[in-house]
Amino acid sequence: MLGIARRAGAPISFWEFTRKGAVVTAVSIALAAIYLWLRYFVLLH
């Protein structure tokens, strides 16, 4: 991913990539947790 950005003329530092990736990961985990909670605890009854 970093190589593609560099070739496109928009270099991204490792730490910038890591910070943005951590946010995306946290949001994905939160959405998955909400889905699982709804699926197995709310909608099951």
PDB file of N, CA and C in Angstrom:
ATOM      1  N   MET A   1       0.826  -1.185   0.000  1.00  0.00           N
ATOM      2  CA  MET A   1       0.000   0.000   0.000  1.00  0.00           C
ATOM      3  C   MET A   1       0.875   1.255   0.000  1.00  0.00           C
ATOM      4  N   LEU A   2       1.922   1.244   0.809  1.00  0.00           N
ATOM      5  CA  LEU A   2       2.792   2.419   0.867  1.00  0.00           C
ATOM      6  C   LEU A   2       3.517   2.637  -0.455  1.00  0.00           C
ATOM      7  N   GLY A   3       3.910   1.536  -1.099  1.00  0.00           N
ATOM      8  CA  GLY A   3       4.573   1.638  -2.395  1.00  0.00           C
ATOM      9  C   GLY A   3       3.652   2.191  -3.465  1.00  0.00           C
ATOM     10  N   ILE A   4       2.407   1.791  -3.446  1.00  0.00           N
ATOM     11  CA  ILE A   4       1.423   2.294  -4.414  1.00  0.00           C
ATOM     12  C   ILE A   4       1.226   3.795  -4.218  1.00  0.00           C
ATOM     13  N   ALA A   5       1.111   4.224  -2.966  1.00  0.00           N
ATOM     14  CA  ALA A   5       0.944   5.652  -2.687  1.00  0.00           C
ATOM     15  C   ALA A   5       2.170   6.434  -3.139  1.00  0.00           C
ATOM     16  N   ARG A   6       3.346   5.904  -2.901  1.00  0.00           N
ATOM     17  CA  ARG A   6       4.578   6.583  -3.304  1.00  0.00           C
ATOM     18  C   ARG A   6       4.643   6.725  -4.820  1.00  0.00           C
ATOM     19  N   ARG A   7       4.294   5.669  -5.549  1.00  0.00           N
ATOM     20  CA  ARG A   7       4.318   5.733  -7.014  1.00  0.00           C
ATOM     21  C   ARG A   7       3.279   6.706  -7.548  1.00  0.00           C
ATOM     22  N   ALA A   8       2.175   6.880  -6.834  1.00  0.00           N
ATOM     23  CA  ALA A   8       1.123   7.797  -7.266  1.00  0.00           C
ATOM     24  C   ALA A   8       1.452   9.246  -6.911  1.00  0.00           C
ATOM     25  N   GLY A   9       2.568   9.465  -6.240  1.00  0.00           N
ATOM     26  CA  GLY A   9       2.977  10.817  -5.901  1.00  0.00           C
ATOM     27  C   GLY A   9       2.412  11.326  -4.591  1.00  0.00           C
ATOM     28  N   ALA A  10       1.905  10.433  -3.762  1.00  0.00           N
ATOM     29  CA  ALA A  10       1.355  10.822  -2.459  1.00  0.00           C
ATOM     30  C   ALA A  10       1.966   9.937  -1.382  1.00  0.00           C
ATOM     31  N   PRO A  11       3.237  10.173  -1.043  1.00  0.00           N
ATOM     32  CA  PRO A  11       3.893   9.307  -0.054  1.00  0.00           C
ATOM     33  C   PRO A  11       3.225   9.400   1.319  1.00  0.00           C
ATOM     34  N   ILE A  12       3.150   8.278   1.999  1.00  0.00           N
ATOM     35  CA  ILE A  12       2.551   8.187   3.328  1.00  0.00           C
ATOM     36  C   ILE A  12       3.609   7.606   4.258  1.00  0.00           C
ATOM     37  N   SER A  13       3.798   8.235   5.404  1.00  0.00           N
ATOM     38  CA  SER A  13       4.776   7.705   6.351  1.00  0.00           C
ATOM     39  C   SER A  13       4.207   6.453   7.022  1.00  0.00           C
ATOM     40  N   PHE A  14       5.104   5.655   7.570  1.00  0.00           N
ATOM     41  CA  PHE A  14       4.675   4.433   8.246  1.00  0.00           C
ATOM     42  C   PHE A  14       3.734   4.745   9.390  1.00  0.00           C
ATOM     43  N   TRP A  15       4.048   5.778  10.184  1.00  0.00           N
ATOM     44  CA  TRP A  15       3.226   6.097  11.359  1.00  0.00           C
ATOM     45  C   TRP A  15       1.874   6.671  10.963  1.00  0.00           C
ATOM     46  N   GLU A  16       1.826   7.430   9.874  1.00  0.00           N
ATOM     47  CA  GLU A  16       0.539   7.932   9.381  1.00  0.00           C
ATOM     48  C   GLU A  16      -0.339   6.755   8.946  1.00  0.00           C
ATOM     49  N   PHE A  17       0.253   5.818   8.236  1.00  0.00           N
ATOM     50  CA  PHE A  17      -0.464   4.620   7.809  1.00  0.00           C
ATOM     51  C   PHE A  17      -0.945   3.816   9.015  1.00  0.00           C
ATOM     52  N   THR A  18      -0.079   3.688  10.030  1.00  0.00           N
ATOM     53  CA  THR A  18      -0.430   2.931  11.230  1.00  0.00           C
ATOM     54  C   THR A  18      -1.575   3.589  11.990  1.00  0.00           C
ATOM     55  N   ARG A  19      -1.528   4.904  12.141  1.00  0.00           N
ATOM     56  CA  ARG A  19      -2.607   5.613  12.849  1.00  0.00           C
ATOM     57  C   ARG A  19      -3.939   5.441  12.129  1.00  0.00           C
ATOM     58  N   LYS A  20      -3.939   5.628  10.824  1.00  0.00           N
ATOM     59  CA  LYS A  20      -5.190   5.486  10.069  1.00  0.00           C
ATOM     60  C   LYS A  20      -5.659   4.038  10.064  1.00  0.00           C
ATOM     61  N   GLY A  21      -4.733   3.111   9.970  1.00  0.00           N
ATOM     62  CA  GLY A  21      -5.094   1.700  10.012  1.00  0.00           C
ATOM     63  C   GLY A  21      -5.673   1.293  11.350  1.00  0.00           C
ATOM     64  N   ALA A  22      -5.161   1.857  12.435  1.00  0.00           N
ATOM     65  CA  ALA A  22      -5.689   1.551  13.768  1.00  0.00           C
ATOM     66  C   ALA A  22      -7.121   2.048  13.908  1.00  0.00           C
ATOM     67  N   VAL A  23      -7.410   3.218  13.348  1.00  0.00           N
ATOM     68  CA  VAL A  23      -8.776   3.752  13.395  1.00  0.00           C
ATOM     69  C   VAL A  23      -9.721   2.851  12.604  1.00  0.00           C
ATOM     70  N   VAL A  24      -9.314   2.463  11.410  1.00  0.00           N
ATOM     71  CA  VAL A  24     -10.147   1.584  10.584  1.00  0.00           C
ATOM     72  C   VAL A  24     -10.377   0.255  11.294  1.00  0.00           C
ATOM     73  N   THR A  25      -9.344  -0.288  11.910  1.00  0.00           N
ATOM     74  CA  THR A  25      -9.467  -1.551  12.641  1.00  0.00           C
ATOM     75  C   THR A  25     -10.425  -1.413  13.819  1.00  0.00           C
ATOM     76  N   ALA A  26     -10.305  -0.335  14.585  1.00  0.00           N
ATOM     77  CA  ALA A  26     -11.180  -0.124  15.744  1.00  0.00           C
ATOM     78  C   ALA A  26     -12.634   0.013  15.320  1.00  0.00           C
ATOM     79  N   VAL A  27     -12.891   0.750  14.253  1.00  0.00           N
ATOM     80  CA  VAL A  27     -14.264   0.907  13.760  1.00  0.00           C
ATOM     81  C   VAL A  27     -14.803  -0.429  13.277  1.00  0.00           C
ATOM     82  N   SER A  28     -13.995  -1.200  12.569  1.00  0.00           N
ATOM     83  CA  SER A  28     -14.434  -2.511  12.081  1.00  0.00           C
ATOM     84  C   SER A  28     -14.784  -3.447  13.231  1.00  0.00           C
ATOM     85  N   ILE A  29     -13.951  -3.466  14.259  1.00  0.00           N
ATOM     86  CA  ILE A  29     -14.215  -4.324  15.418  1.00  0.00           C
ATOM     87  C   ILE A  29     -15.478  -3.869  16.139  1.00  0.00           C
ATOM     88  N   ALA A  30     -15.659  -2.553  16.284  1.00  0.00           N
ATOM     89  CA  ALA A  30     -16.859  -2.034  16.954  1.00  0.00           C
ATOM     90  C   ALA A  30     -18.116  -2.410  16.182  1.00  0.00           C
ATOM     91  N   LEU A  31     -18.094  -2.261  14.868  1.00  0.00           N
ATOM     92  CA  LEU A  31     -19.259  -2.621  14.057  1.00  0.00           C
ATOM     93  C   LEU A  31     -19.543  -4.117  14.127  1.00  0.00           C
ATOM     94  N   ALA A  32     -18.504  -4.925  14.106  1.00  0.00           N
ATOM     95  CA  ALA A  32     -18.689  -6.373  14.211  1.00  0.00           C
ATOM     96  C   ALA A  32     -19.266  -6.746  15.571  1.00  0.00           C
ATOM     97  N   ALA A  33     -18.799  -6.094  16.635  1.00  0.00           N
ATOM     98  CA  ALA A  33     -19.319  -6.376  17.976  1.00  0.00           C
ATOM     99  C   ALA A  33     -20.791  -6.001  18.077  1.00  0.00           C
ATOM    100  N   ILE A  34     -21.162  -4.863  17.509  1.00  0.00           N
ATOM    101  CA  ILE A  34     -22.569  -4.449  17.520  1.00  0.00           C
ATOM    102  C   ILE A  34     -23.416  -5.444  16.741  1.00  0.00           C
ATOM    103  N   TYR A  35     -22.940  -5.845  15.571  1.00  0.00           N
ATOM    104  CA  TYR A  35     -23.679  -6.819  14.769  1.00  0.00           C
ATOM    105  C   TYR A  35     -23.872  -8.122  15.535  1.00  0.00           C
ATOM    106  N   LEU A  36     -22.811  -8.640  16.139  1.00  0.00           N
ATOM    107  CA  LEU A  36     -22.916  -9.902  16.870  1.00  0.00           C
ATOM    108  C   LEU A  36     -23.848  -9.779  18.069  1.00  0.00           C
ATOM    109  N   TRP A  37     -23.783  -8.653  18.777  1.00  0.00           N
ATOM    110  CA  TRP A  37     -24.672  -8.430  19.914  1.00  0.00           C
ATOM    111  C   TRP A  37     -26.125  -8.417  19.454  1.00  0.00           C
ATOM    112  N   LEU A  38     -26.392  -7.678  18.374  1.00  0.00           N
ATOM    113  CA  LEU A  38     -27.760  -7.646  17.852  1.00  0.00           C
ATOM    114  C   LEU A  38     -28.198  -9.025  17.380  1.00  0.00           C
ATOM    115  N   ARG A  39     -27.347  -9.698  16.658  1.00  0.00           N
ATOM    116  CA  ARG A  39     -27.695 -10.985  16.043  1.00  0.00           C
ATOM    117  C   ARG A  39     -27.980 -12.060  17.083  1.00  0.00           C
ATOM    118  N   TYR A  40     -27.161 -12.143  18.109  1.00  0.00           N
ATOM    119  CA  TYR A  40     -27.264 -13.266  19.038  1.00  0.00           C
ATOM    120  C   TYR A  40     -27.952 -12.950  20.362  1.00  0.00           C
ATOM    121  N   PHE A  41     -28.110 -11.672  20.707  1.00  0.00           N
ATOM    122  CA  PHE A  41     -28.720 -11.359  21.997  1.00  0.00           C
ATOM    123  C   PHE A  41     -30.022 -10.571  21.880  1.00  0.00           C
ATOM    124  N   VAL A  42     -30.179  -9.795  20.847  1.00  0.00           N
ATOM    125  CA  VAL A  42     -31.376  -8.966  20.716  1.00  0.00           C
ATOM    126  C   VAL A  42     -32.381  -9.619  19.781  1.00  0.00           C
ATOM    127  N   LEU A  43     -31.958  -9.987  18.600  1.00  0.00           N
ATOM    128  CA  LEU A  43     -32.876 -10.507  17.587  1.00  0.00           C
ATOM    129  C   LEU A  43     -33.199 -11.982  17.764  1.00  0.00           C
ATOM    130  N   LEU A  44     -32.481 -12.661  18.632  1.00  0.00           N
ATOM    131  CA  LEU A  44     -32.699 -14.091  18.832  1.00  0.00           C
ATOM    132  C   LEU A  44     -33.992 -14.354  19.590  1.00  0.00           C
ATOM    133  N   HIS A  45     -34.370 -13.466  20.465  1.00  0.00           N
ATOM    134  CA  HIS A  45     -35.543 -13.685  21.311  1.00  0.00           C
ATOM    135  C   HIS A  45     -36.810 -13.452  20.583  1.00  0.00           C
TER     136      HIS A  45
END
